[in-house]
Amino acid sequence: MADLLSLCLTLQPLEAPDPTDPLPQWWGRAAHALLLNVTRQYNPSLAEQLHEAPDESGQAIRPFTTSTLVGNFDHGALDPQGRYALRLTSFHHPLTHILLEAAQEGPLAVGAQVELDRRPFQILAARSQPLAEGERPVGKLDGWADLQEYPQLSASLLLAKEPPPRRLRLRFASPASFKSGGKHIPLPLPELVFGSLLEKWNAFAPVAFPTEARRYAAECLAIGRYELSSRAVGGKNGGLRVGGVGWVSFTTLNYDRYWMSVMGVLARFAAFAGVGAGVAQGMGQCRLESEPA
């Protein structure tokens, strides 16, 4: 059974927009509530655990991420004929099983209705499999859909005959921010990115990586090329959390086949686990992408 899921939903609004009812600037909290509500229908105890668990800055790690709602918001309104995309991920087998079942014949299946911030949507598509070569996506996030197992993900690099690459390029599709030393850091520094991924991997994968992986990222990885811009996400009580959006290419300064294989596995894991703080509410959406020729 699969452990890792990236579920991409295509949604259509069911009501005409009300100009007197402003939309949220960020839909991450609504997506978070949707995931918990779906989980509660199958396993109330697990839903309660996910709700109560602190985020990445605390002791526990929430084994899921959500995206904000992606689509056209002309003049700050929903297009009643438009298509919108939402992504829910899991890196914990029990939750993955629930989301898959919900997408096949439950509250996240095609034709079902869901609410985001009290607004009804109909699900037009629910994709959990990667696009085949030449296949055109239906939804805006379909290229992010995936279904994997931990051993499959790690073996693809750790047992490969070819040596791992010296550079890893990560795409940050939503603001990535990190909490370190009591401060919020809006830059994807190597030790913060791979340290975040290592914590999540070791919390849920059947075989943990050595903790020295964090030290390798801190001492032996450097930022090469990058294109980043800062974005602010509204938080509780009117607060703002700033993070970086764009891409960063991380380069090793001390090439080691084993450690770069570990870094490569963690980079692939990012598509399911996200990076940094706030990933349960839409921040830190991230995935590995190919270096341009």
Protein backbone atom coordinates (compact mmCIF):
# COMPACT_ATOMS: atom_id res chain seq x y z
CA MET A 1 0.00 0.00 0.00
CA ALA A 2 1.10 3.53 -0.76
CA ASP A 3 2.61 5.70 1.97
CA LEU A 4 3.00 9.01 0.15
CA LEU A 5 0.20 10.83 -1.63
CA SER A 6 -0.14 14.06 -3.56
CA LEU A 7 -3.85 14.39 -4.37
CA CYS A 8 -4.80 17.13 -6.81
CA LEU A 9 -8.43 18.24 -6.97
CA THR A 10 -10.10 20.28 -9.70
CA LEU A 11 -13.02 22.30 -8.35
CA GLN A 12 -15.79 24.50 -9.72
CA PRO A 13 -17.78 27.02 -7.65
CA LEU A 14 -21.46 26.18 -7.22
CA GLU A 15 -22.71 29.68 -6.46
CA ALA A 16 -22.34 33.04 -8.13
CA PRO A 17 -19.94 35.32 -6.26
CA ASP A 18 -21.40 37.67 -3.68
CA PRO A 19 -19.65 41.05 -4.08
CA THR A 20 -20.49 41.96 -0.47
CA ASP A 21 -18.71 38.88 0.89
CA PRO A 22 -14.94 39.29 0.35
CA LEU A 23 -12.91 36.17 -0.37
CA PRO A 24 -10.02 35.12 1.86
CA GLN A 25 -6.65 36.30 0.62
CA TRP A 26 -5.22 32.89 1.50
CA TRP A 27 -7.18 29.62 1.37
CA GLY A 28 -4.74 27.50 3.34
CA ARG A 29 -6.81 27.48 6.53
CA ALA A 30 -9.91 26.43 4.56
CA ALA A 31 -7.98 23.58 2.89
CA HIS A 32 -6.66 22.52 6.30
CA ALA A 33 -10.23 22.39 7.66
CA LEU A 34 -11.38 20.34 4.65
CA LEU A 35 -8.67 17.72 5.16
CA LEU A 36 -9.48 17.39 8.86
CA ASN A 37 -13.22 17.14 8.18
CA VAL A 38 -12.69 14.37 5.64
CA THR A 39 -10.37 12.51 8.01
CA ARG A 40 -12.91 12.84 10.83
CA GLN A 41 -15.53 10.99 8.75
CA TYR A 42 -13.27 7.93 8.59
CA ASN A 43 -11.19 8.12 11.76
CA PRO A 44 -12.22 10.69 14.40
CA SER A 45 -9.29 9.76 16.64
CA LEU A 46 -6.73 10.41 13.91
CA ALA A 47 -8.43 13.69 12.99
CA GLU A 48 -8.17 14.82 16.61
CA GLN A 49 -4.47 13.90 16.70
CA LEU A 50 -3.82 15.88 13.52
CA HIS A 51 -5.75 18.86 14.85
CA GLU A 52 -4.00 18.94 18.21
CA ALA A 53 -0.46 18.28 16.97
CA PRO A 54 1.80 21.36 16.94
CA ASP A 55 3.39 22.42 13.70
CA GLU A 56 7.04 22.02 12.70
CA SER A 57 8.24 24.39 15.41
CA GLY A 58 6.88 22.09 18.16
CA GLN A 59 7.56 18.54 19.22
CA ALA A 60 5.14 16.75 16.89
CA ILE A 61 4.96 16.86 13.10
CA ARG A 62 1.74 16.98 11.15
CA PRO A 63 2.03 14.35 8.39
CA PHE A 64 0.23 16.32 5.68
CA THR A 65 0.24 19.52 3.68
CA THR A 66 -2.36 21.54 1.85
CA SER A 67 -2.17 24.19 -0.84
CA THR A 68 -4.07 27.41 -1.15
CA LEU A 69 -6.79 27.55 -3.81
CA VAL A 70 -5.24 28.13 -7.24
CA GLY A 71 -7.15 29.75 -10.09
CA ASN A 72 -8.52 32.99 -11.51
CA PHE A 73 -9.71 35.59 -9.01
CA ASP A 74 -10.57 38.45 -11.34
CA HIS A 75 -11.44 41.55 -9.31
CA GLY A 76 -11.06 39.44 -6.18
CA ALA A 77 -14.00 37.17 -7.01
CA LEU A 78 -14.52 33.53 -7.94
CA ASP A 79 -15.42 32.78 -11.56
CA PRO A 80 -18.59 30.62 -11.44
CA GLN A 81 -17.53 28.96 -14.70
CA GLY A 82 -13.88 28.72 -13.76
CA ARG A 83 -11.82 25.77 -12.64
CA TYR A 84 -9.80 25.90 -9.47
CA ALA A 85 -7.16 23.58 -8.08
CA LEU A 86 -6.37 22.36 -4.59
CA ARG A 87 -3.70 19.92 -3.43
CA LEU A 88 -3.75 17.70 -0.34
CA THR A 89 -0.74 15.55 0.55
CA SER A 90 0.03 12.88 3.12
CA PHE A 91 3.22 11.11 4.18
CA HIS A 92 1.59 8.88 6.82
CA HIS A 93 0.11 5.57 5.64
CA PRO A 94 -3.19 5.70 7.63
CA LEU A 95 -3.96 9.21 6.41
CA THR A 96 -2.91 8.35 2.84
CA HIS A 97 -5.33 5.42 2.87
CA ILE A 98 -8.18 7.68 4.04
CA LEU A 99 -7.56 10.34 1.40
CA LEU A 100 -7.32 7.76 -1.37
CA GLU A 101 -10.57 6.13 -0.31
CA ALA A 102 -12.25 9.53 -0.02
CA ALA A 103 -11.11 10.41 -3.56
CA GLN A 104 -12.30 7.13 -5.04
CA GLU A 105 -15.81 6.83 -3.61
CA GLY A 106 -16.16 9.27 -0.75
CA PRO A 107 -16.35 12.98 0.04
CA LEU A 108 -13.45 13.86 -2.29
CA ALA A 109 -14.65 11.80 -5.28
CA VAL A 110 -15.65 13.28 -8.63
CA GLY A 111 -19.11 14.81 -8.36
CA ALA A 112 -18.97 15.36 -4.60
CA GLN A 113 -19.48 18.77 -3.07
CA VAL A 114 -17.05 20.34 -0.62
CA GLU A 115 -16.94 23.63 1.26
CA LEU A 116 -14.01 26.01 1.49
CA ASP A 117 -14.53 28.99 3.78
CA ARG A 118 -18.31 28.33 3.70
CA ARG A 119 -18.35 28.42 -0.11
CA PRO A 120 -19.57 25.31 -1.99
CA PHE A 121 -17.54 23.71 -4.79
CA GLN A 122 -18.08 20.63 -6.90
CA ILE A 123 -15.19 18.26 -7.53
CA LEU A 124 -14.61 17.83 -11.26
CA ALA A 125 -11.47 15.68 -11.00
CA ALA A 126 -9.39 14.01 -8.30
CA ARG A 127 -5.97 12.88 -9.46
CA SER A 128 -3.46 10.82 -7.46
CA GLN A 129 -1.32 9.38 -10.26
CA PRO A 130 1.49 11.15 -12.12
CA LEU A 131 0.79 12.36 -15.63
CA ALA A 132 1.79 9.89 -18.32
CA GLU A 133 4.21 11.03 -20.99
CA GLY A 134 2.36 13.30 -23.38
CA GLU A 135 -0.76 13.43 -21.19
CA ARG A 136 -2.32 16.85 -20.81
CA PRO A 137 -3.38 17.97 -17.33
CA VAL A 138 -7.01 18.72 -16.54
CA GLY A 139 -6.38 20.82 -13.44
CA LYS A 140 -3.77 23.48 -12.76
CA LEU A 141 -1.92 21.28 -10.24
CA ASP A 142 -2.25 17.89 -11.96
CA GLY A 143 1.47 17.88 -12.70
CA TRP A 144 2.04 17.60 -8.94
CA ALA A 145 -0.07 14.45 -8.49
CA ASP A 146 1.85 11.40 -7.27
CA LEU A 147 1.59 8.18 -5.28
CA GLN A 148 4.66 6.50 -3.82
CA GLU A 149 5.99 4.18 -1.13
CA TYR A 150 8.90 5.09 1.12
CA PRO A 151 11.10 2.16 -0.04
CA GLN A 152 10.38 2.93 -3.68
CA LEU A 153 11.28 6.60 -3.24
CA SER A 154 14.56 5.91 -1.43
CA ALA A 155 15.69 2.95 -3.55
CA SER A 156 15.47 5.01 -6.74
CA LEU A 157 18.61 6.87 -5.60
CA LEU A 158 20.25 4.86 -2.84
CA LEU A 159 20.40 1.70 -4.97
CA ALA A 160 20.91 3.36 -8.34
CA LYS A 161 23.93 2.43 -10.46
CA GLU A 162 24.42 5.99 -11.63
CA PRO A 163 25.89 8.48 -9.13
CA PRO A 164 23.52 11.14 -7.80
CA PRO A 165 23.72 14.65 -9.26
CA ARG A 166 25.85 17.37 -7.73
CA ARG A 167 23.01 19.92 -7.91
CA LEU A 168 19.42 19.79 -6.72
CA ARG A 169 16.94 22.37 -7.91
CA LEU A 170 13.82 22.91 -5.81
CA ARG A 171 10.74 24.85 -6.89
CA PHE A 172 8.93 26.75 -4.11
CA ALA A 173 5.37 27.22 -5.35
CA SER A 174 4.13 28.92 -2.18
CA PRO A 175 6.01 31.00 0.39
CA ALA A 176 8.60 28.99 2.33
CA SER A 177 9.47 30.27 5.79
CA PHE A 178 11.44 28.62 8.57
CA LYS A 179 11.57 28.99 12.32
CA SER A 180 15.06 28.76 13.75
CA GLY A 181 16.46 30.09 17.00
CA GLY A 182 13.19 31.80 17.84
CA LYS A 183 13.17 33.73 14.55
CA HIS A 184 11.21 33.36 11.32
CA ILE A 185 13.64 33.12 8.40
CA PRO A 186 12.11 33.74 4.95
CA LEU A 187 15.03 32.27 2.99
CA PRO A 188 15.44 28.59 1.97
CA LEU A 189 18.93 28.03 3.37
CA PRO A 190 20.26 24.48 2.79
CA GLU A 191 20.35 23.44 6.44
CA LEU A 192 16.79 24.72 6.98
CA VAL A 193 15.32 23.08 3.88
CA PHE A 194 16.95 19.68 4.27
CA GLY A 195 16.77 19.78 8.05
CA SER A 196 13.00 20.23 7.81
CA LEU A 197 12.72 17.33 5.37
CA LEU A 198 14.97 15.10 7.47
CA GLU A 199 12.80 15.60 10.58
CA LYS A 200 9.68 14.60 8.69
CA TRP A 201 11.30 11.65 6.97
CA ASN A 202 12.69 10.24 10.22
CA ALA A 203 9.35 10.73 11.98
CA PHE A 204 7.35 8.58 9.51
CA ALA A 205 9.60 6.59 7.16
CA PRO A 206 10.22 2.92 8.04
CA VAL A 207 14.00 3.45 7.89
CA ALA A 208 15.49 6.68 9.23
CA PHE A 209 18.44 8.57 7.79
CA PRO A 210 21.42 9.45 10.02
CA THR A 211 21.05 12.76 11.82
CA GLU A 212 24.43 13.74 10.35
CA ALA A 213 22.51 14.47 7.13
CA ARG A 214 21.59 17.84 8.63
CA ARG A 215 25.27 18.60 9.22
CA TYR A 216 26.14 17.64 5.65
CA ALA A 217 23.46 20.03 4.36
CA ALA A 218 24.75 22.83 6.58
CA GLU A 219 28.45 22.39 5.84
CA CYS A 220 28.57 20.94 2.33
CA LEU A 221 25.59 22.36 0.43
CA ALA A 222 25.54 25.90 -0.92
CA ILE A 223 23.05 27.97 -2.88
CA GLY A 224 24.15 28.27 -6.48
CA ARG A 225 21.71 29.99 -8.80
CA TYR A 226 18.28 31.11 -7.68
CA GLU A 227 15.23 33.19 -8.56
CA LEU A 228 13.20 34.12 -5.50
CA SER A 229 10.69 36.78 -4.55
CA SER A 230 9.19 37.45 -1.14
CA ARG A 231 5.48 36.89 -0.51
CA ALA A 232 3.45 37.55 2.62
CA VAL A 233 0.71 35.25 3.91
CA GLY A 234 -1.88 36.52 6.36
CA GLY A 235 -1.95 34.76 9.71
CA LYS A 236 -3.93 34.90 12.92
CA ASN A 237 -4.78 38.25 14.51
CA GLY A 238 -3.77 40.16 11.40
CA GLY A 239 -0.17 38.93 11.45
CA LEU A 240 1.91 38.29 8.35
CA ARG A 241 4.37 35.52 7.61
CA VAL A 242 6.85 36.25 4.82
CA GLY A 243 8.42 33.51 2.71
CA GLY A 244 10.29 32.95 -0.53
CA VAL A 245 8.66 31.84 -3.80
CA GLY A 246 10.61 30.71 -6.87
CA TRP A 247 13.45 28.24 -7.30
CA VAL A 248 16.84 27.54 -5.78
CA SER A 249 19.64 25.31 -7.03
CA PHE A 250 21.65 23.70 -4.21
CA THR A 251 25.20 22.60 -5.07
CA THR A 252 27.52 20.35 -3.10
CA LEU A 253 30.93 21.73 -2.11
CA ASN A 254 32.16 18.33 -0.97
CA TYR A 255 30.72 15.62 -3.17
CA ASP A 256 29.92 12.34 -1.44
CA ARG A 257 27.86 9.72 -3.23
CA TYR A 258 25.97 8.48 -0.17
CA TRP A 259 25.15 11.88 1.28
CA MET A 260 24.08 13.32 -2.06
CA SER A 261 21.84 10.27 -2.53
CA VAL A 262 20.23 11.08 0.83
CA MET A 263 19.84 14.73 -0.18
CA GLY A 264 18.26 13.59 -3.44
CA VAL A 265 15.75 11.37 -1.65
CA LEU A 266 14.81 14.20 0.70
CA ALA A 267 14.43 16.55 -2.28
CA ARG A 268 11.96 14.13 -3.87
CA PHE A 269 10.18 13.74 -0.56
CA ALA A 270 9.56 17.50 -0.54
CA ALA A 271 6.63 17.10 -2.95
CA PHE A 272 4.74 15.23 -0.22
CA ALA A 273 6.11 16.80 2.96
CA GLY A 274 6.57 20.45 2.06
CA VAL A 275 9.31 22.49 3.74
CA GLY A 276 9.39 24.86 6.66
CA ALA A 277 6.56 26.26 8.75
CA GLY A 278 2.88 26.51 7.92
CA VAL A 279 2.78 23.65 5.41
CA ALA A 280 -0.50 22.36 6.90
CA GLN A 281 -2.08 25.64 5.77
CA GLY A 282 -0.64 26.13 2.32
CA MET A 283 2.90 27.38 2.84
CA GLY A 284 6.12 25.63 1.78
CA GLN A 285 4.70 23.80 -1.25
CA CYS A 286 7.86 22.50 -2.89
CA ARG A 287 9.17 19.89 -5.31
CA LEU A 288 12.31 18.81 -7.08
CA GLU A 289 12.61 19.87 -10.70
CA SER A 290 15.13 19.19 -13.45
CA GLU A 291 18.04 21.51 -14.00
CA PRO A 292 17.68 23.31 -17.36
CA ALA A 293 19.98 22.11 -20.10
